[in-house]
Amino acid sequence: MHPQLSDKRIVCREFIQALDACHVNKWARLTGGCNQEKDSLNECLRNERVERSTRNRAQAKEQRLKTEQVWKELHEDD
């Protein structure tokens, strides 16, 4: 399964449960019967990752602007 599921259990819970329920049937698991559930889980995880990356990028930009402002103020004192 996905290594990133340990901290995503709340975000994609219904997709994880659907995949786990499908994997109970070993035959469906081995013959591709769970591909729809797996694709849905992958899409959910990707969307969560994209949202997290967007938030992190915005936070980094804000932090960089603050740092640049502090450096500008520091150099104005010289």
Protein backbone atom coordinates (compact mmCIF):
# COMPACT_ATOMS: atom_id res chain seq x y z
CA MET A 1 0.00 0.00 0.00
CA HIS A 2 1.04 3.64 0.14
CA PRO A 3 3.65 4.68 2.71
CA GLN A 4 2.02 8.09 3.08
CA LEU A 5 -1.21 6.61 4.46
CA SER A 6 -0.02 6.81 8.06
CA ASP A 7 -0.74 10.54 8.29
CA LYS A 8 -3.52 10.70 5.67
CA ARG A 9 -6.04 8.48 7.38
CA ILE A 10 -8.37 11.39 8.09
CA VAL A 11 -8.13 13.02 4.66
CA CYS A 12 -8.79 10.00 2.43
CA ARG A 13 -10.45 7.71 4.94
CA GLU A 14 -13.37 6.62 2.74
CA PHE A 15 -11.04 5.69 -0.13
CA ILE A 16 -8.75 3.74 2.19
CA GLN A 17 -11.71 1.87 3.65
CA ALA A 18 -13.05 1.07 0.17
CA LEU A 19 -9.67 -0.30 -0.92
CA ASP A 20 -9.30 -2.33 2.27
CA ALA A 21 -12.80 -3.76 1.81
CA CYS A 22 -11.99 -4.69 -1.79
CA HIS A 23 -8.70 -6.32 -0.74
CA VAL A 24 -10.61 -8.74 1.49
CA ASN A 25 -11.48 -10.60 -1.71
CA LYS A 26 -8.06 -11.97 -2.73
CA TRP A 27 -9.26 -12.90 -6.20
CA ALA A 28 -10.44 -9.36 -6.95
CA ARG A 29 -7.19 -8.02 -5.61
CA LEU A 30 -5.08 -10.27 -7.85
CA THR A 31 -7.15 -9.83 -11.01
CA GLY A 32 -7.44 -6.06 -10.98
CA GLY A 33 -10.89 -5.88 -9.42
CA CYS A 34 -9.72 -3.20 -7.01
CA ASN A 35 -8.20 -0.90 -9.60
CA GLN A 36 -11.08 1.60 -9.42
CA GLU A 37 -10.70 1.94 -5.64
CA LYS A 38 -6.93 2.23 -5.95
CA ASP A 39 -7.19 4.90 -8.64
CA SER A 40 -9.63 6.86 -6.47
CA LEU A 41 -7.26 6.65 -3.51
CA ASN A 42 -4.33 7.77 -5.66
CA GLU A 43 -6.33 10.75 -6.90
CA CYS A 44 -7.32 11.71 -3.34
CA LEU A 45 -3.71 11.45 -2.14
CA ARG A 46 -2.48 13.48 -5.10
CA ASN A 47 -5.04 16.22 -4.49
CA GLU A 48 -4.06 16.37 -0.82
CA ARG A 49 -0.37 16.59 -1.76
CA VAL A 50 -1.02 19.39 -4.28
CA GLU A 51 -3.02 21.36 -1.68
CA ARG A 52 -0.28 20.87 0.92
CA SER A 53 2.39 21.96 -1.56
CA THR A 54 0.40 25.08 -2.43
CA ARG A 55 0.02 25.98 1.25
CA ASN A 56 3.72 25.36 1.92
CA ARG A 57 4.71 27.47 -1.08
CA ALA A 58 2.57 30.37 0.13
CA GLN A 59 3.97 30.11 3.66
CA ALA A 60 7.53 30.01 2.31
CA LYS A 61 6.86 33.10 0.20
CA GLU A 62 5.52 34.98 3.22
CA GLN A 63 8.51 33.92 5.31
CA ARG A 64 10.92 34.96 2.57
CA LEU A 65 9.29 38.39 2.33
CA LYS A 66 9.58 38.83 6.11
CA THR A 67 13.23 37.79 6.01
CA GLU A 68 13.99 40.19 3.15
CA GLN A 69 12.29 43.01 5.06
CA VAL A 70 14.36 42.30 8.15
CA TRP A 71 17.56 42.25 6.10
CA LYS A 72 16.58 45.51 4.42
CA GLU A 73 15.97 47.16 7.80
CA LEU A 74 19.25 45.77 9.10
CA HIS A 75 21.21 47.20 6.19
CA GLU A 76 19.48 50.57 6.46
CA ASP A 77 20.95 50.95 9.93
CA ASP A 78 24.52 50.69 8.56
